[in-house]
Amino acid sequence: MLTRRFFLRCLSAAAATAALPLPAFARDDDVTAETRLMMGTFVTVKTAGASAAHAADAAGAAFERMAELVESLTRHGSSPLGELNASGRLRDAPRPLLAVTRAASRMHGLTGGAFDPTVLPLLDLLERRSDGGPDPRELAEASELMGMNRVRVEGRDIVFERRGMKMSLDGIAKGYVADEGARALREAGVKNFLIDAGGDIVAQGSKNGAPWRVAVENPRKHRGDAAYPAVISLAGQALATSGVYENAFDERGELNHLINPATGRCAVLPGASALAPSAMEADALATALCVMAGPVEFMENVPRAACLIALPDGTFRRSSRWG
């Protein structure tokens, strides 16, 4: 079912671009940029060092690839994931959904269960009870339906072990889509590019010989603190940021979309940014870090990865490999 919050997010993005043609093109100093509305957010593809025609063709191929994947990975409407959530079993699942489900299981294991797409029943409950909060009985019942270890991939089928389980891939699918957009650009012969899928960013090469520079969003920007906590160079890596400010169910953000699967409680860390080899990994890590105890210490043991953690007092902690 399409939630009201998802609908409003899409509506706001659409309204913001109503005065602009979509797709929106720009070219400046040998850098071509194209922005489209996708996944309820703005997705921008930037290329450098390619002719205008080559850049436009390559970006078009990337957007086409990404749009195809969104249809397979969304949980809304009559999608394959929506069918799985409704029936508990999906036969002959699309290959992208199988790939992301397997990756979600790997990230669940890597993070010790902190990343868990099966928290959807609890998220649905929190949204329905955002006025006063769910009672303990409802929380216990929803918690019994969580556990990525209860999701099985059997050949081309995906199966939930418990009736009533549901899965949302929102915390990993956007990164996967960005990675596949990057793959399409490489296949089109583009060597220097950056894709920003609503904060899930993957970059390769350079911008006219200089590194691609990316600013990390401040999770307190909605309170008037818009200063970027970090600006980093990105090449051959991906960056993702997650935070409670993105989707809160109450005004104070205490009920939010980031759930600790071990406790059933919402995240208290305002936000986390993760650097990783792929946007899919960075996406899942950023989600998990927000609900972990000791996220920086955890990331010190993840190869080729780093993090920036926003703390409740407005300060930040960085892992040793952060740029």
C-alpha atoms as a PDB file:
ATOM      1  CA  MET A   1       0.000   0.000   0.000  1.00  0.00           C
ATOM      2  CA  LEU A   2       1.256   3.481  -0.873  1.00  0.00           C
ATOM      3  CA  THR A   3       1.668   5.275   2.442  1.00  0.00           C
ATOM      4  CA  ARG A   4       0.564   8.849   2.962  1.00  0.00           C
ATOM      5  CA  ARG A   5       4.104   9.865   3.923  1.00  0.00           C
ATOM      6  CA  PHE A   6       5.590   8.341   0.764  1.00  0.00           C
ATOM      7  CA  PHE A   7       2.904  10.040  -1.329  1.00  0.00           C
ATOM      8  CA  LEU A   8       3.580  13.426   0.256  1.00  0.00           C
ATOM      9  CA  ARG A   9       7.306  13.042  -0.288  1.00  0.00           C
ATOM     10  CA  CYS A  10       6.752  12.337  -3.965  1.00  0.00           C
ATOM     11  CA  LEU A  11       4.245  15.186  -4.222  1.00  0.00           C
ATOM     12  CA  SER A  12       6.659  17.642  -2.648  1.00  0.00           C
ATOM     13  CA  ALA A  13       9.441  16.612  -5.005  1.00  0.00           C
ATOM     14  CA  ALA A  14       7.132  16.903  -7.980  1.00  0.00           C
ATOM     15  CA  ALA A  15       5.955  20.355  -6.884  1.00  0.00           C
ATOM     16  CA  ALA A  16       9.534  21.511  -6.511  1.00  0.00           C
ATOM     17  CA  THR A  17      10.216  20.628 -10.124  1.00  0.00           C
ATOM     18  CA  ALA A  18       6.891  21.777 -11.571  1.00  0.00           C
ATOM     19  CA  ALA A  19       8.473  24.924 -13.012  1.00  0.00           C
ATOM     20  CA  LEU A  20      11.324  22.971 -14.563  1.00  0.00           C
ATOM     21  CA  PRO A  21      11.354  20.564 -17.471  1.00  0.00           C
ATOM     22  CA  LEU A  22      11.975  16.966 -16.428  1.00  0.00           C
ATOM     23  CA  PRO A  23      14.440  15.638 -17.232  1.00  0.00           C
ATOM     24  CA  ALA A  24      16.424  18.788 -16.469  1.00  0.00           C
ATOM     25  CA  PHE A  25      19.754  19.176 -18.288  1.00  0.00           C
ATOM     26  CA  ALA A  26      22.701  21.437 -17.514  1.00  0.00           C
ATOM     27  CA  ARG A  27      26.218  21.733 -18.914  1.00  0.00           C
ATOM     28  CA  ASP A  28      28.959  23.808 -17.359  1.00  0.00           C
ATOM     29  CA  ASP A  29      32.715  23.643 -17.788  1.00  0.00           C
ATOM     30  CA  ASP A  30      32.613  20.297 -19.619  1.00  0.00           C
ATOM     31  CA  VAL A  31      30.382  18.753 -16.926  1.00  0.00           C
ATOM     32  CA  THR A  32      26.926  17.603 -17.979  1.00  0.00           C
ATOM     33  CA  ALA A  33      24.194  17.055 -15.403  1.00  0.00           C
ATOM     34  CA  GLU A  34      20.734  15.573 -15.772  1.00  0.00           C
ATOM     35  CA  THR A  35      18.172  15.336 -12.973  1.00  0.00           C
ATOM     36  CA  ARG A  36      15.002  13.285 -12.865  1.00  0.00           C
ATOM     37  CA  LEU A  37      12.409  12.451 -10.258  1.00  0.00           C
ATOM     38  CA  MET A  38      12.706   8.834  -9.161  1.00  0.00           C
ATOM     39  CA  MET A  39      12.093   6.816  -5.986  1.00  0.00           C
ATOM     40  CA  GLY A  40      10.396   9.816  -4.413  1.00  0.00           C
ATOM     41  CA  THR A  41      13.552  11.909  -4.621  1.00  0.00           C
ATOM     42  CA  PHE A  42      15.802  13.743  -7.069  1.00  0.00           C
ATOM     43  CA  VAL A  43      18.338  11.605  -8.897  1.00  0.00           C
ATOM     44  CA  THR A  44      21.173  13.437 -10.641  1.00  0.00           C
ATOM     45  CA  VAL A  45      23.680  11.986 -13.076  1.00  0.00           C
ATOM     46  CA  LYS A  46      26.803  14.071 -13.716  1.00  0.00           C
ATOM     47  CA  THR A  47      29.431  13.231 -16.326  1.00  0.00           C
ATOM     48  CA  ALA A  48      32.732  14.898 -17.141  1.00  0.00           C
ATOM     49  CA  GLY A  49      35.032  14.698 -20.143  1.00  0.00           C
ATOM     50  CA  ALA A  50      32.368  13.437 -22.547  1.00  0.00           C
ATOM     51  CA  SER A  51      30.744  15.269 -25.412  1.00  0.00           C
ATOM     52  CA  ALA A  52      27.265  16.652 -24.820  1.00  0.00           C
ATOM     53  CA  ALA A  53      25.741  14.015 -27.095  1.00  0.00           C
ATOM     54  CA  HIS A  54      27.693  11.159 -25.496  1.00  0.00           C
ATOM     55  CA  ALA A  55      26.838  12.383 -22.010  1.00  0.00           C
ATOM     56  CA  ALA A  56      23.121  12.677 -22.836  1.00  0.00           C
ATOM     57  CA  ASP A  57      22.975   9.194 -24.366  1.00  0.00           C
ATOM     58  CA  ALA A  58      24.855   7.631 -21.449  1.00  0.00           C
ATOM     59  CA  ALA A  59      22.755   9.378 -18.825  1.00  0.00           C
ATOM     60  CA  GLY A  60      19.607   8.284 -20.643  1.00  0.00           C
ATOM     61  CA  ALA A  61      20.788   4.679 -20.536  1.00  0.00           C
ATOM     62  CA  ALA A  62      21.581   5.000 -16.829  1.00  0.00           C
ATOM     63  CA  PHE A  63      18.170   6.445 -16.017  1.00  0.00           C
ATOM     64  CA  GLU A  64      16.468   3.735 -18.069  1.00  0.00           C
ATOM     65  CA  ARG A  65      18.352   1.024 -16.169  1.00  0.00           C
ATOM     66  CA  MET A  66      17.519   2.600 -12.815  1.00  0.00           C
ATOM     67  CA  ALA A  67      13.827   3.052 -13.640  1.00  0.00           C
ATOM     68  CA  GLU A  68      13.517  -0.622 -14.588  1.00  0.00           C
ATOM     69  CA  LEU A  69      15.030  -1.655 -11.270  1.00  0.00           C
ATOM     70  CA  VAL A  70      12.734   0.554  -9.215  1.00  0.00           C
ATOM     71  CA  GLU A  71       9.737  -1.360 -10.575  1.00  0.00           C
ATOM     72  CA  SER A  72      11.211  -4.602  -9.246  1.00  0.00           C
ATOM     73  CA  LEU A  73      12.291  -3.296  -5.849  1.00  0.00           C
ATOM     74  CA  THR A  74       9.516  -1.014  -4.632  1.00  0.00           C
ATOM     75  CA  ARG A  75       7.128  -2.466  -2.058  1.00  0.00           C
ATOM     76  CA  HIS A  76       4.252  -0.284  -3.168  1.00  0.00           C
ATOM     77  CA  GLY A  77       1.359  -1.123  -5.439  1.00  0.00           C
ATOM     78  CA  SER A  78       1.239  -4.471  -7.242  1.00  0.00           C
ATOM     79  CA  SER A  79       5.012  -4.890  -7.290  1.00  0.00           C
ATOM     80  CA  PRO A  80       6.750  -8.258  -6.782  1.00  0.00           C
ATOM     81  CA  LEU A  81       7.846  -7.202  -3.294  1.00  0.00           C
ATOM     82  CA  GLY A  82       4.304  -6.074  -2.552  1.00  0.00           C
ATOM     83  CA  GLU A  83       3.090  -9.517  -3.613  1.00  0.00           C
ATOM     84  CA  LEU A  84       5.670 -11.179  -1.355  1.00  0.00           C
ATOM     85  CA  ASN A  85       4.569  -9.059   1.604  1.00  0.00           C
ATOM     86  CA  ALA A  86       0.926  -9.934   0.959  1.00  0.00           C
ATOM     87  CA  SER A  87       1.309 -13.690   0.547  1.00  0.00           C
ATOM     88  CA  GLY A  88       4.580 -14.598   2.299  1.00  0.00           C
ATOM     89  CA  ARG A  89       5.980 -16.308  -0.796  1.00  0.00           C
ATOM     90  CA  LEU A  90       7.035 -15.061  -4.215  1.00  0.00           C
ATOM     91  CA  ARG A  91       7.665 -17.544  -6.996  1.00  0.00           C
ATOM     92  CA  ASP A  92      10.032 -16.752  -9.860  1.00  0.00           C
ATOM     93  CA  ALA A  93      11.157 -13.467  -8.278  1.00  0.00           C
ATOM     94  CA  PRO A  94      12.823 -10.887 -10.552  1.00  0.00           C
ATOM     95  CA  ARG A  95      16.604 -11.170 -10.561  1.00  0.00           C
ATOM     96  CA  PRO A  96      17.144  -7.686  -9.074  1.00  0.00           C
ATOM     97  CA  LEU A  97      14.877  -8.538  -6.145  1.00  0.00           C
ATOM     98  CA  LEU A  98      16.733 -11.805  -5.588  1.00  0.00           C
ATOM     99  CA  ALA A  99      20.082  -9.996  -5.725  1.00  0.00           C
ATOM    100  CA  VAL A 100      19.078  -7.301  -3.249  1.00  0.00           C
ATOM    101  CA  THR A 101      17.432  -9.809  -0.895  1.00  0.00           C
ATOM    102  CA  ARG A 102      20.644 -11.871  -0.841  1.00  0.00           C
ATOM    103  CA  ALA A 103      22.683  -8.700  -0.268  1.00  0.00           C
ATOM    104  CA  ALA A 104      20.333  -7.667   2.546  1.00  0.00           C
ATOM    105  CA  SER A 105      20.921 -11.034   4.211  1.00  0.00           C
ATOM    106  CA  ARG A 106      24.695 -10.541   3.927  1.00  0.00           C
ATOM    107  CA  MET A 107      24.481  -7.050   5.430  1.00  0.00           C
ATOM    108  CA  HIS A 108      22.243  -8.383   8.182  1.00  0.00           C
ATOM    109  CA  GLY A 109      24.975 -10.843   9.078  1.00  0.00           C
ATOM    110  CA  LEU A 110      27.794  -8.307   8.761  1.00  0.00           C
ATOM    111  CA  THR A 111      26.065  -5.836  11.088  1.00  0.00           C
ATOM    112  CA  GLY A 112      25.103  -8.433  13.654  1.00  0.00           C
ATOM    113  CA  GLY A 113      21.440  -7.973  12.812  1.00  0.00           C
ATOM    114  CA  ALA A 114      21.405  -4.167  13.067  1.00  0.00           C
ATOM    115  CA  PHE A 115      20.423  -3.964   9.412  1.00  0.00           C
ATOM    116  CA  ASP A 116      17.111  -5.779   9.074  1.00  0.00           C
ATOM    117  CA  PRO A 117      14.570  -5.055   6.309  1.00  0.00           C
ATOM    118  CA  THR A 118      11.909  -7.121   8.102  1.00  0.00           C
ATOM    119  CA  VAL A 119      11.212  -4.323  10.600  1.00  0.00           C
ATOM    120  CA  LEU A 120       8.379  -3.206   8.288  1.00  0.00           C
ATOM    121  CA  PRO A 121       5.532  -4.543  10.515  1.00  0.00           C
ATOM    122  CA  LEU A 122       6.852  -2.413  13.371  1.00  0.00           C
ATOM    123  CA  LEU A 123       7.278   0.618  11.112  1.00  0.00           C
ATOM    124  CA  ASP A 124       3.694   0.248   9.921  1.00  0.00           C
ATOM    125  CA  LEU A 125       2.542   0.030  13.539  1.00  0.00           C
ATOM    126  CA  LEU A 126       4.465   3.158  14.557  1.00  0.00           C
ATOM    127  CA  GLU A 127       2.979   5.125  11.698  1.00  0.00           C
ATOM    128  CA  ARG A 128      -0.564   4.022  12.567  1.00  0.00           C
ATOM    129  CA  ARG A 129      -0.058   4.818  16.266  1.00  0.00           C
ATOM    130  CA  SER A 130       2.025   7.979  15.884  1.00  0.00           C
ATOM    131  CA  ASP A 131      -0.479  10.025  17.909  1.00  0.00           C
ATOM    132  CA  GLY A 132      -0.022   8.128  21.161  1.00  0.00           C
ATOM    133  CA  GLY A 133       2.373   5.324  20.391  1.00  0.00           C
ATOM    134  CA  PRO A 134       1.637   1.576  20.247  1.00  0.00           C
ATOM    135  CA  ASP A 135       0.897  -0.402  23.382  1.00  0.00           C
ATOM    136  CA  PRO A 136       3.307  -3.118  24.636  1.00  0.00           C
ATOM    137  CA  ARG A 137       1.143  -5.948  23.294  1.00  0.00           C
ATOM    138  CA  GLU A 138       1.172  -4.523  19.778  1.00  0.00           C
ATOM    139  CA  LEU A 139       4.923  -3.985  19.967  1.00  0.00           C
ATOM    140  CA  ALA A 140       5.501  -7.574  21.066  1.00  0.00           C
ATOM    141  CA  GLU A 141       3.333  -8.952  18.260  1.00  0.00           C
ATOM    142  CA  ALA A 142       5.135  -6.857  15.631  1.00  0.00           C
ATOM    143  CA  SER A 143       8.539  -7.835  17.015  1.00  0.00           C
ATOM    144  CA  GLU A 144       7.693 -11.513  16.559  1.00  0.00           C
ATOM    145  CA  LEU A 145       7.449 -10.891  12.804  1.00  0.00           C
ATOM    146  CA  MET A 146      10.966  -9.500  12.495  1.00  0.00           C
ATOM    147  CA  GLY A 147      14.151 -11.323  11.565  1.00  0.00           C
ATOM    148  CA  MET A 148      16.011 -11.355   8.244  1.00  0.00           C
ATOM    149  CA  ASN A 149      17.229 -14.833   9.173  1.00  0.00           C
ATOM    150  CA  ARG A 150      13.614 -15.947   8.610  1.00  0.00           C
ATOM    151  CA  VAL A 151      13.711 -14.893   4.945  1.00  0.00           C
ATOM    152  CA  ARG A 152      14.754 -17.726   2.629  1.00  0.00           C
ATOM    153  CA  VAL A 153      15.797 -17.655  -0.997  1.00  0.00           C
ATOM    154  CA  GLU A 154      14.975 -21.019  -2.578  1.00  0.00           C
ATOM    155  CA  GLY A 155      16.188 -20.966  -6.166  1.00  0.00           C
ATOM    156  CA  ARG A 156      14.100 -18.207  -7.775  1.00  0.00           C
ATOM    157  CA  ASP A 157      11.579 -18.123  -4.903  1.00  0.00           C
ATOM    158  CA  ILE A 158      11.606 -15.898  -1.802  1.00  0.00           C
ATOM    159  CA  VAL A 159       9.846 -17.241   1.280  1.00  0.00           C
ATOM    160  CA  PHE A 160       8.950 -15.795   4.689  1.00  0.00           C
ATOM    161  CA  GLU A 161       9.048 -18.374   7.471  1.00  0.00           C
ATOM    162  CA  ARG A 162       6.336 -16.652   9.518  1.00  0.00           C
ATOM    163  CA  ARG A 163       2.901 -15.580   8.404  1.00  0.00           C
ATOM    164  CA  GLY A 164       2.483 -11.807   8.563  1.00  0.00           C
ATOM    165  CA  MET A 165       6.143 -10.964   7.938  1.00  0.00           C
ATOM    166  CA  LYS A 166       6.867  -8.043   5.634  1.00  0.00           C
ATOM    167  CA  MET A 167      10.041  -6.622   4.166  1.00  0.00           C
ATOM    168  CA  SER A 168      11.084  -3.167   3.047  1.00  0.00           C
ATOM    169  CA  LEU A 169      14.256  -2.766   1.009  1.00  0.00           C
ATOM    170  CA  ASP A 170      14.239   1.026   1.353  1.00  0.00           C
ATOM    171  CA  GLY A 171      17.494   0.892   3.331  1.00  0.00           C
ATOM    172  CA  ILE A 172      19.489  -0.844   0.595  1.00  0.00           C
ATOM    173  CA  ALA A 173      17.648  -0.746  -2.727  1.00  0.00           C
ATOM    174  CA  LYS A 174      18.379   2.895  -3.531  1.00  0.00           C
ATOM    175  CA  GLY A 175      22.094   2.182  -3.243  1.00  0.00           C
ATOM    176  CA  TYR A 176      21.750  -0.839  -5.505  1.00  0.00           C
ATOM    177  CA  VAL A 177      19.883   1.268  -8.073  1.00  0.00           C
ATOM    178  CA  ALA A 178      22.657   3.888  -7.977  1.00  0.00           C
ATOM    179  CA  ASP A 179      25.303   1.181  -8.442  1.00  0.00           C
ATOM    180  CA  GLU A 180      23.477  -0.195 -11.462  1.00  0.00           C
ATOM    181  CA  GLY A 181      23.167   3.304 -12.907  1.00  0.00           C
ATOM    182  CA  ALA A 182      26.934   3.580 -12.549  1.00  0.00           C
ATOM    183  CA  ARG A 183      27.342   0.243 -14.305  1.00  0.00           C
ATOM    184  CA  ALA A 184      25.268   1.541 -17.220  1.00  0.00           C
ATOM    185  CA  LEU A 185      27.495   4.617 -17.497  1.00  0.00           C
ATOM    186  CA  ARG A 186      30.623   2.475 -17.588  1.00  0.00           C
ATOM    187  CA  GLU A 187      29.071   0.239 -20.235  1.00  0.00           C
ATOM    188  CA  ALA A 188      28.360   3.383 -22.270  1.00  0.00           C
ATOM    189  CA  GLY A 189      32.038   4.322 -22.144  1.00  0.00           C
ATOM    190  CA  VAL A 190      31.851   7.099 -19.540  1.00  0.00           C
ATOM    191  CA  LYS A 191      34.888   7.128 -17.268  1.00  0.00           C
ATOM    192  CA  ASN A 192      34.185  10.165 -15.092  1.00  0.00           C
ATOM    193  CA  PHE A 193      30.826  10.454 -13.388  1.00  0.00           C
ATOM    194  CA  LEU A 194      28.855  10.985 -10.189  1.00  0.00           C
ATOM    195  CA  ILE A 195      25.359   9.730  -9.422  1.00  0.00           C
ATOM    196  CA  ASP A 196      23.441  11.237  -6.519  1.00  0.00           C
ATOM    197  CA  ALA A 197      20.280   9.268  -5.766  1.00  0.00           C
ATOM    198  CA  GLY A 198      18.783  11.352  -2.998  1.00  0.00           C
ATOM    199  CA  GLY A 199      21.928  11.172  -0.858  1.00  0.00           C
ATOM    200  CA  ASP A 200      23.183   7.771  -2.001  1.00  0.00           C
ATOM    201  CA  ILE A 201      26.191   8.840  -4.036  1.00  0.00           C
ATOM    202  CA  VAL A 202      28.588   6.845  -6.193  1.00  0.00           C
ATOM    203  CA  ALA A 203      31.491   8.424  -8.079  1.00  0.00           C
ATOM    204  CA  GLN A 204      34.207   7.355 -10.450  1.00  0.00           C
ATOM    205  CA  GLY A 205      37.121   9.190 -12.050  1.00  0.00           C
ATOM    206  CA  SER A 206      37.349  12.938 -11.692  1.00  0.00           C
ATOM    207  CA  LYS A 207      35.735  16.234 -12.549  1.00  0.00           C
ATOM    208  CA  ASN A 208      38.074  17.757 -15.138  1.00  0.00           C
ATOM    209  CA  GLY A 209      41.093  16.404 -13.297  1.00  0.00           C
ATOM    210  CA  ALA A 210      39.871  17.383  -9.831  1.00  0.00           C
ATOM    211  CA  PRO A 211      38.204  15.006  -7.387  1.00  0.00           C
ATOM    212  CA  TRP A 212      34.445  14.938  -7.119  1.00  0.00           C
ATOM    213  CA  ARG A 213      33.611  16.863  -3.942  1.00  0.00           C
ATOM    214  CA  VAL A 214      30.610  15.846  -1.868  1.00  0.00           C
ATOM    215  CA  ALA A 215      29.100  17.601   1.149  1.00  0.00           C
ATOM    216  CA  VAL A 216      27.515  15.591   3.966  1.00  0.00           C
ATOM    217  CA  GLU A 217      24.074  16.814   4.977  1.00  0.00           C
ATOM    218  CA  ASN A 218      23.658  18.096   8.522  1.00  0.00           C
ATOM    219  CA  PRO A 219      20.918  16.146  10.367  1.00  0.00           C
ATOM    220  CA  ARG A 220      20.149  19.314  12.360  1.00  0.00           C
ATOM    221  CA  LYS A 221      19.466  21.421   9.282  1.00  0.00           C
ATOM    222  CA  HIS A 222      15.753  21.429  10.065  1.00  0.00           C
ATOM    223  CA  ARG A 223      16.630  23.179  13.332  1.00  0.00           C
ATOM    224  CA  GLY A 224      18.500  25.917  11.504  1.00  0.00           C
ATOM    225  CA  ASP A 225      22.008  24.402  11.576  1.00  0.00           C
ATOM    226  CA  ALA A 226      22.734  24.022   7.877  1.00  0.00           C
ATOM    227  CA  ALA A 227      26.545  23.933   8.126  1.00  0.00           C
ATOM    228  CA  TYR A 228      27.998  20.858   6.441  1.00  0.00           C
ATOM    229  CA  PRO A 229      29.778  18.628   8.975  1.00  0.00           C
ATOM    230  CA  ALA A 230      32.146  17.362   6.277  1.00  0.00           C
ATOM    231  CA  VAL A 231      33.075  17.815   2.624  1.00  0.00           C
ATOM    232  CA  ILE A 232      34.987  14.902   1.139  1.00  0.00           C
ATOM    233  CA  SER A 233      36.575  13.819  -2.128  1.00  0.00           C
ATOM    234  CA  LEU A 234      34.909  10.804  -3.705  1.00  0.00           C
ATOM    235  CA  ALA A 235      36.414   8.556  -6.388  1.00  0.00           C
ATOM    236  CA  GLY A 236      35.836   4.832  -6.832  1.00  0.00           C
ATOM    237  CA  GLN A 237      33.737   4.880  -3.670  1.00  0.00           C
ATOM    238  CA  ALA A 238      30.195   5.463  -2.533  1.00  0.00           C
ATOM    239  CA  LEU A 239      28.667   7.548   0.229  1.00  0.00           C
ATOM    240  CA  ALA A 240      25.279   7.207   1.897  1.00  0.00           C
ATOM    241  CA  THR A 241      23.704   9.136   4.741  1.00  0.00           C
ATOM    242  CA  SER A 242      20.770   8.110   6.900  1.00  0.00           C
ATOM    243  CA  GLY A 243      19.093   9.937   9.736  1.00  0.00           C
ATOM    244  CA  VAL A 244      15.995  10.193  11.894  1.00  0.00           C
ATOM    245  CA  TYR A 245      15.187  13.558  10.299  1.00  0.00           C
ATOM    246  CA  GLU A 246      14.341  11.845   6.998  1.00  0.00           C
ATOM    247  CA  ASN A 247      11.111  10.237   8.133  1.00  0.00           C
ATOM    248  CA  ALA A 248       9.796  10.940  11.627  1.00  0.00           C
ATOM    249  CA  PHE A 249       6.366   9.942  12.876  1.00  0.00           C
ATOM    250  CA  ASP A 250       6.207  12.645  15.548  1.00  0.00           C
ATOM    251  CA  GLU A 251       7.355  16.266  15.811  1.00  0.00           C
ATOM    252  CA  ARG A 252      10.342  15.525  18.034  1.00  0.00           C
ATOM    253  CA  GLY A 253      11.626  12.663  15.903  1.00  0.00           C
ATOM    254  CA  GLU A 254      11.478  10.181  18.780  1.00  0.00           C
ATOM    255  CA  LEU A 255       9.268   7.912  16.672  1.00  0.00           C
ATOM    256  CA  ASN A 256      11.105   7.453  13.405  1.00  0.00           C
ATOM    257  CA  HIS A 257      11.765   5.029  10.565  1.00  0.00           C
ATOM    258  CA  LEU A 258      15.083   3.729  11.929  1.00  0.00           C
ATOM    259  CA  ILE A 259      14.378   0.750  14.183  1.00  0.00           C
ATOM    260  CA  ASN A 260      16.791  -1.227  16.327  1.00  0.00           C
ATOM    261  CA  PRO A 261      15.737  -4.825  15.576  1.00  0.00           C
ATOM    262  CA  ALA A 262      17.195  -6.044  18.862  1.00  0.00           C
ATOM    263  CA  THR A 263      15.072  -3.751  21.033  1.00  0.00           C
ATOM    264  CA  GLY A 264      12.221  -2.632  18.798  1.00  0.00           C
ATOM    265  CA  ARG A 265      13.039   0.968  19.727  1.00  0.00           C
ATOM    266  CA  CYS A 266      13.641   3.876  17.375  1.00  0.00           C
ATOM    267  CA  ALA A 267      17.113   5.256  16.741  1.00  0.00           C
ATOM    268  CA  VAL A 268      18.389   8.011  19.008  1.00  0.00           C
ATOM    269  CA  LEU A 269      21.448   8.933  16.939  1.00  0.00           C
ATOM    270  CA  PRO A 270      20.463  11.822  14.636  1.00  0.00           C
ATOM    271  CA  GLY A 271      22.314  10.443  11.636  1.00  0.00           C
ATOM    272  CA  ALA A 272      25.185   8.485  10.146  1.00  0.00           C
ATOM    273  CA  SER A 273      27.173   8.626   6.912  1.00  0.00           C
ATOM    274  CA  ALA A 274      29.025   5.618   5.546  1.00  0.00           C
ATOM    275  CA  LEU A 275      31.760   5.307   2.931  1.00  0.00           C
ATOM    276  CA  ALA A 276      32.024   1.919   1.223  1.00  0.00           C
ATOM    277  CA  PRO A 277      33.068   0.346  -2.095  1.00  0.00           C
ATOM    278  CA  SER A 278      29.459   0.306  -3.346  1.00  0.00           C
ATOM    279  CA  ALA A 279      26.421   2.489  -2.783  1.00  0.00           C
ATOM    280  CA  MET A 280      24.421  -0.579  -1.793  1.00  0.00           C
ATOM    281  CA  GLU A 281      26.846  -1.387   1.016  1.00  0.00           C
ATOM    282  CA  ALA A 282      27.041   2.258   2.097  1.00  0.00           C
ATOM    283  CA  ASP A 283      23.240   2.513   2.116  1.00  0.00           C
ATOM    284  CA  ALA A 284      22.796  -0.521   4.374  1.00  0.00           C
ATOM    285  CA  LEU A 285      25.683   0.471   6.646  1.00  0.00           C
ATOM    286  CA  ALA A 286      24.366   4.014   7.152  1.00  0.00           C
ATOM    287  CA  THR A 287      20.995   2.575   8.144  1.00  0.00           C
ATOM    288  CA  ALA A 288      22.540   0.079  10.574  1.00  0.00           C
ATOM    289  CA  LEU A 289      24.948   2.553  12.167  1.00  0.00           C
ATOM    290  CA  CYS A 290      22.071   4.721  13.397  1.00  0.00           C
ATOM    291  CA  VAL A 291      20.823   1.957  15.706  1.00  0.00           C
ATOM    292  CA  MET A 292      24.143   0.478  16.820  1.00  0.00           C
ATOM    293  CA  ALA A 293      25.944   0.819  20.102  1.00  0.00           C
ATOM    294  CA  GLY A 294      29.521   1.749  19.236  1.00  0.00           C
ATOM    295  CA  PRO A 295      29.087   2.428  15.501  1.00  0.00           C
ATOM    296  CA  VAL A 296      32.552   3.942  15.057  1.00  0.00           C
ATOM    297  CA  GLU A 297      34.232   0.976  16.705  1.00  0.00           C
ATOM    298  CA  PHE A 298      32.239  -1.376  14.505  1.00  0.00           C
ATOM    299  CA  MET A 299      33.306   0.436  11.327  1.00  0.00           C
ATOM    300  CA  GLU A 300      36.979   0.239  12.248  1.00  0.00           C
ATOM    301  CA  ASN A 301      36.677  -3.500  11.589  1.00  0.00           C
ATOM    302  CA  VAL A 302      34.869  -3.226   8.238  1.00  0.00           C
ATOM    303  CA  PRO A 303      37.434  -3.296   5.387  1.00  0.00           C
ATOM    304  CA  ARG A 304      37.486  -0.343   2.969  1.00  0.00           C
ATOM    305  CA  ALA A 305      34.760   1.461   4.880  1.00  0.00           C
ATOM    306  CA  ALA A 306      34.477   4.513   7.113  1.00  0.00           C
ATOM    307  CA  CYS A 307      31.833   6.551   8.890  1.00  0.00           C
ATOM    308  CA  LEU A 308      30.826   9.923  10.254  1.00  0.00           C
ATOM    309  CA  ILE A 309      28.362   9.748  13.162  1.00  0.00           C
ATOM    310  CA  ALA A 310      26.128  12.596  14.297  1.00  0.00           C
ATOM    311  CA  LEU A 311      25.635  12.585  18.069  1.00  0.00           C
ATOM    312  CA  PRO A 312      22.587  13.871  19.949  1.00  0.00           C
ATOM    313  CA  ASP A 313      24.551  16.824  21.387  1.00  0.00           C
ATOM    314  CA  GLY A 314      25.282  18.152  17.880  1.00  0.00           C
ATOM    315  CA  THR A 315      28.887  16.933  17.698  1.00  0.00           C
ATOM    316  CA  PHE A 316      30.317  14.330  15.304  1.00  0.00           C
ATOM    317  CA  ARG A 317      32.609  11.306  15.562  1.00  0.00           C
ATOM    318  CA  ARG A 318      34.699   9.987  12.692  1.00  0.00           C
ATOM    319  CA  SER A 319      36.278   6.606  12.132  1.00  0.00           C
ATOM    320  CA  SER A 320      39.991   6.571  11.346  1.00  0.00           C
ATOM    321  CA  ARG A 321      39.549   6.003   7.598  1.00  0.00           C
ATOM    322  CA  TRP A 322      37.053   8.838   7.101  1.00  0.00           C
ATOM    323  CA  GLY A 323      38.371  11.137   4.337  1.00  0.00           C
END
